[in-house]
């Protein structure tokens, strides 16, 4: 059975139901489970136990900068200025970041989690290119999951 491929033309980033205009690339770093060293006197090889997990980070890059986008890009800028937490789970349908992988399914932080925006208000401009901005965030309190 061949793999299901995800075509970029069906993907998008939204904040609630508002599309972040100009987004060209996003990434979700994934989780990292910490380990705690639990060796004792006499052990020849270190032993470890599982600790807490880091939910990872999100990145939205190659966003075509639009100073007139008072909804999508401006809403993300406001999350770092205020600072506000982007809600997770079902609440993300009205005010959280959603990363669509096809026309109906999106990655969102889990119900008890948030995304804390850690990077925004960036601008890159090139004499022979288009102005672009980017956004970064820290996933907190829950893992990212796919919602339909």
N, C-alpha and C. Protein backbone atom coordinates (compact mmCIF):
# COMPACT_ATOMS: atom_id res chain seq x y z
N UNK A 1 0.85 -1.18 0.00
CA UNK A 1 0.00 0.00 0.00
C UNK A 1 0.89 1.24 0.00
N UNK A 2 0.73 2.16 -0.96
CA UNK A 2 1.58 3.35 -1.00
C UNK A 2 1.24 4.33 0.12
N UNK A 3 2.20 5.14 0.46
CA UNK A 3 2.02 6.15 1.51
C UNK A 3 1.07 7.24 1.04
N UNK A 4 0.34 7.80 1.97
CA UNK A 4 -0.51 8.95 1.67
C UNK A 4 0.37 10.18 1.71
N UNK A 5 0.47 10.87 0.58
CA UNK A 5 1.30 12.06 0.52
C UNK A 5 0.44 13.29 0.80
N UNK A 6 1.06 14.29 1.39
CA UNK A 6 0.34 15.50 1.75
C UNK A 6 0.81 16.63 0.84
N UNK A 7 -0.07 17.07 -0.03
CA UNK A 7 0.24 18.11 -0.99
C UNK A 7 0.16 19.48 -0.32
N UNK A 8 1.20 20.29 -0.46
CA UNK A 8 1.26 21.59 0.17
C UNK A 8 0.15 22.55 -0.22
N UNK A 9 -0.45 22.36 -1.38
CA UNK A 9 -1.49 23.31 -1.79
C UNK A 9 -2.74 23.22 -0.93
N UNK A 10 -2.91 22.12 -0.16
CA UNK A 10 -4.06 21.98 0.73
C UNK A 10 -3.71 22.37 2.17
N UNK A 11 -2.48 22.74 2.42
CA UNK A 11 -2.05 23.06 3.77
C UNK A 11 -2.15 24.57 4.02
N UNK A 12 -2.33 24.92 5.30
CA UNK A 12 -2.40 26.33 5.67
C UNK A 12 -2.20 26.44 7.17
N UNK A 13 -1.99 27.66 7.65
CA UNK A 13 -1.89 27.96 9.07
C UNK A 13 -3.01 28.93 9.39
N UNK A 14 -3.76 28.64 10.46
CA UNK A 14 -4.80 29.57 10.90
C UNK A 14 -4.64 29.86 12.38
N UNK A 15 -5.18 30.99 12.77
CA UNK A 15 -5.33 31.32 14.19
C UNK A 15 -6.83 31.31 14.43
N UNK A 16 -7.33 30.24 15.05
CA UNK A 16 -8.77 30.00 15.09
C UNK A 16 -9.21 29.71 13.68
N UNK A 17 -10.16 30.46 13.17
CA UNK A 17 -10.63 30.26 11.80
C UNK A 17 -10.02 31.27 10.84
N UNK A 18 -9.16 32.16 11.33
CA UNK A 18 -8.56 33.19 10.49
C UNK A 18 -7.24 32.70 9.90
N UNK A 19 -7.15 32.70 8.59
CA UNK A 19 -5.94 32.25 7.91
C UNK A 19 -4.81 33.25 8.12
N UNK A 20 -3.61 32.73 8.40
CA UNK A 20 -2.41 33.57 8.45
C UNK A 20 -1.96 33.74 7.00
N UNK A 21 -2.21 34.93 6.45
CA UNK A 21 -1.92 35.17 5.04
C UNK A 21 -0.44 35.08 4.75
N UNK A 22 -0.10 34.51 3.60
CA UNK A 22 1.27 34.49 3.12
C UNK A 22 2.16 33.39 3.67
N UNK A 23 1.64 32.53 4.56
CA UNK A 23 2.49 31.48 5.14
C UNK A 23 2.98 30.53 4.06
N UNK A 24 4.28 30.27 4.07
CA UNK A 24 4.87 29.41 3.06
C UNK A 24 5.50 28.14 3.60
N UNK A 25 5.71 28.09 4.91
CA UNK A 25 6.35 26.91 5.50
C UNK A 25 6.04 26.90 6.99
N UNK A 26 5.78 25.70 7.52
CA UNK A 26 5.66 25.55 8.97
C UNK A 26 6.34 24.26 9.39
N UNK A 27 6.77 24.23 10.65
CA UNK A 27 7.36 23.00 11.19
C UNK A 27 6.94 22.85 12.64
N UNK A 28 6.81 21.60 13.04
CA UNK A 28 6.51 21.22 14.42
C UNK A 28 7.64 20.28 14.82
N UNK A 29 8.43 20.67 15.82
CA UNK A 29 9.67 19.94 16.11
C UNK A 29 9.45 18.56 16.70
N UNK A 30 8.31 18.32 17.32
CA UNK A 30 8.08 17.03 17.98
C UNK A 30 8.51 17.07 19.43
N UNK A 31 8.23 16.01 20.14
CA UNK A 31 8.49 15.95 21.58
C UNK A 31 9.85 15.35 21.90
N UNK A 32 10.37 15.71 23.06
CA UNK A 32 11.59 15.11 23.58
C UNK A 32 11.32 14.68 25.02
N UNK A 33 11.53 13.42 25.33
CA UNK A 33 11.35 12.92 26.69
C UNK A 33 12.69 13.02 27.41
N UNK A 34 12.70 13.71 28.53
CA UNK A 34 13.92 13.85 29.33
C UNK A 34 14.18 12.56 30.10
N UNK A 35 15.44 12.34 30.42
CA UNK A 35 15.81 11.21 31.27
C UNK A 35 16.52 11.73 32.50
N UNK A 36 16.39 10.98 33.59
CA UNK A 36 16.99 11.36 34.85
C UNK A 36 17.97 10.26 35.25
N UNK A 37 19.19 10.65 35.50
CA UNK A 37 20.22 9.67 35.88
C UNK A 37 19.91 9.15 37.28
N UNK A 38 19.83 7.82 37.42
CA UNK A 38 19.46 7.21 38.70
C UNK A 38 20.47 6.18 39.17
N UNK A 39 21.73 6.36 38.80
CA UNK A 39 22.78 5.41 39.20
C UNK A 39 23.07 5.51 40.69
N UNK A 40 23.65 4.47 41.21
CA UNK A 40 24.05 4.48 42.62
C UNK A 40 25.46 3.93 42.74
N UNK A 41 26.02 4.05 43.94
CA UNK A 41 27.37 3.53 44.18
C UNK A 41 27.43 2.06 43.77
N UNK A 42 28.49 1.71 43.08
CA UNK A 42 28.70 0.33 42.67
C UNK A 42 28.23 0.03 41.25
N UNK A 43 27.41 0.91 40.64
CA UNK A 43 26.97 0.68 39.26
C UNK A 43 28.14 0.91 38.33
N UNK A 44 28.30 0.02 37.38
CA UNK A 44 29.36 0.15 36.39
C UNK A 44 28.87 0.95 35.18
N UNK A 45 27.59 0.86 34.90
CA UNK A 45 26.98 1.57 33.77
C UNK A 45 25.83 2.40 34.32
N UNK A 46 25.75 3.67 33.91
CA UNK A 46 24.70 4.56 34.39
C UNK A 46 23.32 3.98 34.09
N UNK A 47 22.38 4.22 34.99
CA UNK A 47 20.98 3.86 34.78
C UNK A 47 20.15 5.14 34.76
N UNK A 48 19.02 5.07 34.06
CA UNK A 48 18.19 6.24 33.87
C UNK A 48 16.72 5.91 34.07
N UNK A 49 15.95 6.91 34.43
CA UNK A 49 14.49 6.84 34.52
C UNK A 49 13.92 7.93 33.61
N UNK A 50 12.68 7.75 33.20
CA UNK A 50 12.03 8.77 32.40
C UNK A 50 11.65 9.95 33.27
N UNK A 51 11.81 11.13 32.72
CA UNK A 51 11.36 12.36 33.37
C UNK A 51 10.22 12.97 32.58
N UNK A 52 10.08 14.27 32.65
CA UNK A 52 9.01 14.95 31.92
C UNK A 52 9.37 15.08 30.45
N UNK A 53 8.37 15.43 29.67
CA UNK A 53 8.57 15.62 28.23
C UNK A 53 8.48 17.10 27.87
N UNK A 54 9.27 17.50 26.91
CA UNK A 54 9.20 18.84 26.33
C UNK A 54 8.32 18.72 25.10
N UNK A 55 7.24 19.51 25.04
CA UNK A 55 6.30 19.42 23.92
C UNK A 55 6.86 19.85 22.59
N UNK A 56 8.00 20.54 22.59
CA UNK A 56 8.63 20.95 21.35
C UNK A 56 8.33 22.39 20.99
N UNK A 57 8.61 22.72 19.75
CA UNK A 57 8.42 24.08 19.26
C UNK A 57 7.69 24.07 17.94
N UNK A 58 7.14 25.24 17.59
CA UNK A 58 6.54 25.41 16.26
C UNK A 58 7.27 26.56 15.58
N UNK A 59 7.25 26.55 14.29
CA UNK A 59 7.88 27.60 13.51
C UNK A 59 7.05 27.84 12.25
N UNK A 60 6.76 29.10 11.99
CA UNK A 60 6.06 29.48 10.76
C UNK A 60 7.02 30.44 10.04
N UNK A 61 7.54 30.01 8.89
CA UNK A 61 8.56 30.80 8.20
C UNK A 61 8.14 31.05 6.75
N UNK A 62 8.93 31.86 6.08
CA UNK A 62 8.66 32.22 4.69
C UNK A 62 7.25 32.79 4.53
N UNK A 63 6.83 33.61 5.50
CA UNK A 63 5.52 34.25 5.45
C UNK A 63 5.66 35.55 4.68
N UNK A 64 4.92 35.69 3.59
CA UNK A 64 4.94 36.94 2.83
C UNK A 64 4.36 38.04 3.70
N UNK A 65 5.17 39.01 4.02
CA UNK A 65 4.76 40.08 4.94
C UNK A 65 3.66 40.93 4.32
N UNK A 66 2.59 41.12 5.07
CA UNK A 66 1.48 41.94 4.62
C UNK A 66 1.09 42.90 5.74
N UNK A 67 1.54 44.16 5.67
CA UNK A 67 1.24 45.11 6.74
C UNK A 67 -0.25 45.43 6.86
N UNK A 68 -1.05 45.06 5.86
CA UNK A 68 -2.49 45.31 5.93
C UNK A 68 -3.26 44.12 6.49
N UNK A 69 -2.57 43.01 6.80
CA UNK A 69 -3.24 41.83 7.37
C UNK A 69 -3.47 42.07 8.85
N UNK A 70 -4.57 42.71 9.17
CA UNK A 70 -4.86 43.07 10.56
C UNK A 70 -5.47 41.92 11.34
N UNK A 71 -5.66 40.77 10.70
CA UNK A 71 -6.22 39.63 11.41
C UNK A 71 -5.16 38.58 11.67
N UNK A 72 -4.70 37.85 10.67
CA UNK A 72 -3.76 36.74 10.87
C UNK A 72 -2.40 37.12 11.41
N UNK A 73 -1.59 37.83 10.62
CA UNK A 73 -0.23 38.19 11.05
C UNK A 73 -0.27 39.10 12.27
N UNK A 74 -1.19 40.05 12.29
CA UNK A 74 -1.28 40.98 13.42
C UNK A 74 -1.70 40.26 14.70
N UNK A 75 -2.55 39.24 14.58
CA UNK A 75 -2.96 38.48 15.77
C UNK A 75 -1.77 37.74 16.37
N UNK A 76 -0.92 37.19 15.53
CA UNK A 76 0.28 36.50 16.04
C UNK A 76 1.24 37.49 16.67
N UNK A 77 1.42 38.65 16.05
CA UNK A 77 2.26 39.69 16.66
C UNK A 77 1.73 40.07 18.04
N UNK A 78 0.42 40.15 18.18
CA UNK A 78 -0.19 40.52 19.46
C UNK A 78 0.07 39.48 20.54
N UNK A 79 0.20 38.21 20.15
CA UNK A 79 0.45 37.15 21.15
C UNK A 79 1.79 37.32 21.84
N UNK A 80 2.76 37.90 21.16
CA UNK A 80 4.06 38.10 21.79
C UNK A 80 4.12 39.46 22.50
N UNK A 81 3.38 40.43 22.01
CA UNK A 81 3.38 41.75 22.61
C UNK A 81 2.66 41.75 23.96
N UNK A 82 1.56 40.99 24.05
CA UNK A 82 0.69 41.08 25.23
C UNK A 82 1.26 40.46 26.49
N UNK A 83 1.85 39.36 26.69
CA UNK A 83 1.82 38.09 25.96
C UNK A 83 0.60 37.24 26.35
N UNK A 84 0.00 36.60 25.38
CA UNK A 84 -1.15 35.73 25.59
C UNK A 84 -0.77 34.31 25.19
N UNK A 85 -1.44 33.33 25.78
CA UNK A 85 -1.22 31.94 25.42
C UNK A 85 -2.25 31.53 24.38
N UNK A 86 -1.78 30.88 23.31
CA UNK A 86 -2.67 30.35 22.29
C UNK A 86 -3.28 29.06 22.83
N UNK A 87 -4.60 28.98 22.86
CA UNK A 87 -5.29 27.84 23.46
C UNK A 87 -5.12 26.57 22.65
N UNK A 88 -5.32 25.43 23.32
CA UNK A 88 -5.19 24.14 22.66
C UNK A 88 -6.50 23.42 22.48
N UNK A 89 -6.42 22.22 21.90
CA UNK A 89 -7.55 21.32 21.75
C UNK A 89 -8.72 21.92 21.01
N UNK A 90 -9.92 21.57 21.47
CA UNK A 90 -11.14 22.05 20.83
C UNK A 90 -11.23 23.57 20.90
N UNK A 91 -10.72 24.16 21.98
CA UNK A 91 -10.74 25.62 22.11
C UNK A 91 -9.94 26.28 20.99
N UNK A 92 -9.00 25.54 20.40
CA UNK A 92 -8.18 26.09 19.33
C UNK A 92 -9.02 26.40 18.09
N UNK A 93 -10.23 25.86 18.03
CA UNK A 93 -11.06 26.16 16.86
C UNK A 93 -11.45 27.63 16.82
N UNK A 94 -11.48 28.29 17.99
CA UNK A 94 -11.87 29.69 18.00
C UNK A 94 -10.70 30.64 18.21
N UNK A 95 -9.63 30.20 18.88
CA UNK A 95 -8.55 31.16 19.14
C UNK A 95 -7.16 30.54 19.21
N UNK A 96 -6.95 29.37 18.72
CA UNK A 96 -5.63 28.76 18.79
C UNK A 96 -5.00 28.57 17.43
N UNK A 97 -3.71 28.28 17.44
CA UNK A 97 -2.98 28.03 16.20
C UNK A 97 -3.32 26.64 15.68
N UNK A 98 -3.60 26.57 14.38
CA UNK A 98 -3.90 25.30 13.72
C UNK A 98 -3.01 25.18 12.49
N UNK A 99 -2.41 24.00 12.32
CA UNK A 99 -1.50 23.73 11.21
C UNK A 99 -2.15 22.65 10.34
N UNK A 100 -2.81 23.07 9.27
CA UNK A 100 -3.54 22.13 8.42
C UNK A 100 -2.58 21.31 7.58
N UNK A 101 -2.82 19.98 7.57
CA UNK A 101 -2.01 19.07 6.77
C UNK A 101 -2.76 18.62 5.52
N UNK A 102 -4.07 18.86 5.50
CA UNK A 102 -4.89 18.65 4.31
C UNK A 102 -6.10 19.59 4.45
N UNK A 103 -7.13 19.40 3.69
CA UNK A 103 -8.23 20.36 3.71
C UNK A 103 -9.10 20.27 4.96
N UNK A 104 -8.99 19.19 5.75
CA UNK A 104 -9.86 19.04 6.92
C UNK A 104 -9.14 18.77 8.23
N UNK A 105 -7.93 18.25 8.21
CA UNK A 105 -7.22 17.85 9.43
C UNK A 105 -6.12 18.84 9.78
N UNK A 106 -6.01 19.15 11.08
CA UNK A 106 -4.97 20.09 11.50
C UNK A 106 -4.29 19.60 12.77
N UNK A 107 -3.01 19.97 12.91
CA UNK A 107 -2.27 19.75 14.13
C UNK A 107 -2.57 20.92 15.06
N UNK A 108 -2.89 20.61 16.32
CA UNK A 108 -3.12 21.62 17.35
C UNK A 108 -2.54 21.09 18.65
N UNK A 109 -2.23 21.99 19.57
CA UNK A 109 -1.77 21.57 20.88
C UNK A 109 -2.96 20.94 21.60
N UNK A 110 -2.69 19.91 22.43
CA UNK A 110 -3.74 19.19 23.14
C UNK A 110 -4.58 20.07 24.05
N UNK A 111 -5.68 19.52 24.52
CA UNK A 111 -6.70 20.26 25.26
C UNK A 111 -6.17 21.04 26.45
N UNK A 112 -5.25 20.48 27.22
CA UNK A 112 -4.77 21.17 28.42
C UNK A 112 -3.54 22.03 28.15
N UNK A 113 -3.15 22.17 26.88
CA UNK A 113 -1.92 22.88 26.56
C UNK A 113 -2.11 24.24 25.93
N UNK A 114 -0.99 24.86 25.69
CA UNK A 114 -0.93 26.19 25.07
C UNK A 114 0.28 26.24 24.14
N UNK A 115 0.26 27.22 23.25
CA UNK A 115 1.47 27.57 22.51
C UNK A 115 1.82 28.99 22.92
N UNK A 116 3.01 29.15 23.46
CA UNK A 116 3.50 30.47 23.86
C UNK A 116 4.35 31.01 22.73
N UNK A 117 3.92 32.09 22.11
CA UNK A 117 4.70 32.67 21.02
C UNK A 117 5.98 33.28 21.58
N UNK A 118 7.11 32.84 21.06
CA UNK A 118 8.42 33.30 21.55
C UNK A 118 9.16 34.14 20.53
N UNK A 119 8.68 34.18 19.31
CA UNK A 119 9.32 34.98 18.27
C UNK A 119 8.29 35.54 17.31
N UNK A 120 8.30 36.83 17.11
CA UNK A 120 7.39 37.49 16.17
C UNK A 120 7.95 38.88 15.86
N UNK A 121 7.19 39.63 15.09
CA UNK A 121 7.58 41.00 14.72
C UNK A 121 8.95 41.03 14.02
N UNK A 122 9.23 39.98 13.25
CA UNK A 122 10.48 39.93 12.47
C UNK A 122 10.17 40.32 11.03
N UNK A 123 11.12 40.93 10.38
CA UNK A 123 10.94 41.30 8.99
C UNK A 123 12.25 41.13 8.26
N UNK A 124 12.19 40.44 7.13
CA UNK A 124 13.34 40.29 6.25
C UNK A 124 12.95 40.86 4.89
N UNK A 125 13.78 41.71 4.36
CA UNK A 125 13.51 42.29 3.05
C UNK A 125 14.78 42.26 2.22
N UNK A 126 14.61 42.00 0.95
CA UNK A 126 15.73 41.91 0.01
C UNK A 126 15.40 42.82 -1.17
N UNK A 127 16.40 43.50 -1.68
CA UNK A 127 16.19 44.41 -2.79
C UNK A 127 15.56 43.69 -3.98
N UNK A 128 15.91 42.43 -4.19
CA UNK A 128 15.39 41.67 -5.33
C UNK A 128 14.46 40.55 -4.88
N UNK A 129 13.72 40.77 -3.80
CA UNK A 129 12.81 39.74 -3.31
C UNK A 129 11.59 40.34 -2.66
N UNK A 130 10.82 39.49 -2.03
CA UNK A 130 9.61 39.90 -1.34
C UNK A 130 9.87 39.98 0.15
N UNK A 131 9.24 40.91 0.83
CA UNK A 131 9.38 41.04 2.28
C UNK A 131 8.73 39.84 2.95
N UNK A 132 9.42 39.28 3.95
CA UNK A 132 8.92 38.10 4.65
C UNK A 132 9.05 38.28 6.15
N UNK A 133 8.18 37.60 6.88
CA UNK A 133 8.25 37.60 8.34
C UNK A 133 8.17 36.16 8.82
N UNK A 134 8.35 35.94 10.14
CA UNK A 134 8.31 34.59 10.68
C UNK A 134 7.86 34.63 12.13
N UNK A 135 7.45 33.46 12.63
CA UNK A 135 6.94 33.32 13.99
C UNK A 135 7.45 32.02 14.59
N UNK A 136 7.74 32.02 15.90
CA UNK A 136 8.17 30.82 16.62
C UNK A 136 7.37 30.70 17.90
N UNK A 137 7.20 29.47 18.38
CA UNK A 137 6.47 29.27 19.62
C UNK A 137 6.95 28.04 20.37
N UNK A 138 6.67 28.01 21.67
CA UNK A 138 6.98 26.89 22.55
C UNK A 138 5.68 26.18 22.91
N UNK A 139 5.63 24.88 22.72
CA UNK A 139 4.46 24.08 23.08
C UNK A 139 4.55 23.78 24.57
N UNK A 140 3.45 23.99 25.30
CA UNK A 140 3.47 23.88 26.75
C UNK A 140 2.24 23.14 27.25
N UNK A 141 2.43 22.18 28.14
CA UNK A 141 1.33 21.55 28.86
C UNK A 141 0.64 20.39 28.19
N UNK A 142 0.83 20.17 26.91
CA UNK A 142 0.22 19.05 26.19
C UNK A 142 0.97 18.85 24.88
N UNK A 143 0.85 17.66 24.33
CA UNK A 143 1.49 17.35 23.05
C UNK A 143 0.63 17.85 21.90
N UNK A 144 1.24 18.01 20.75
CA UNK A 144 0.50 18.34 19.54
C UNK A 144 -0.24 17.07 19.08
N UNK A 145 -1.43 17.24 18.52
CA UNK A 145 -2.23 16.13 18.06
C UNK A 145 -2.99 16.55 16.81
N UNK A 146 -3.42 15.55 16.02
CA UNK A 146 -4.20 15.82 14.82
C UNK A 146 -5.68 15.80 15.18
N UNK A 147 -6.39 16.85 14.78
CA UNK A 147 -7.83 16.96 14.98
C UNK A 147 -8.49 17.06 13.61
N UNK A 148 -9.67 16.49 13.48
CA UNK A 148 -10.44 16.59 12.22
C UNK A 148 -11.57 17.57 12.37
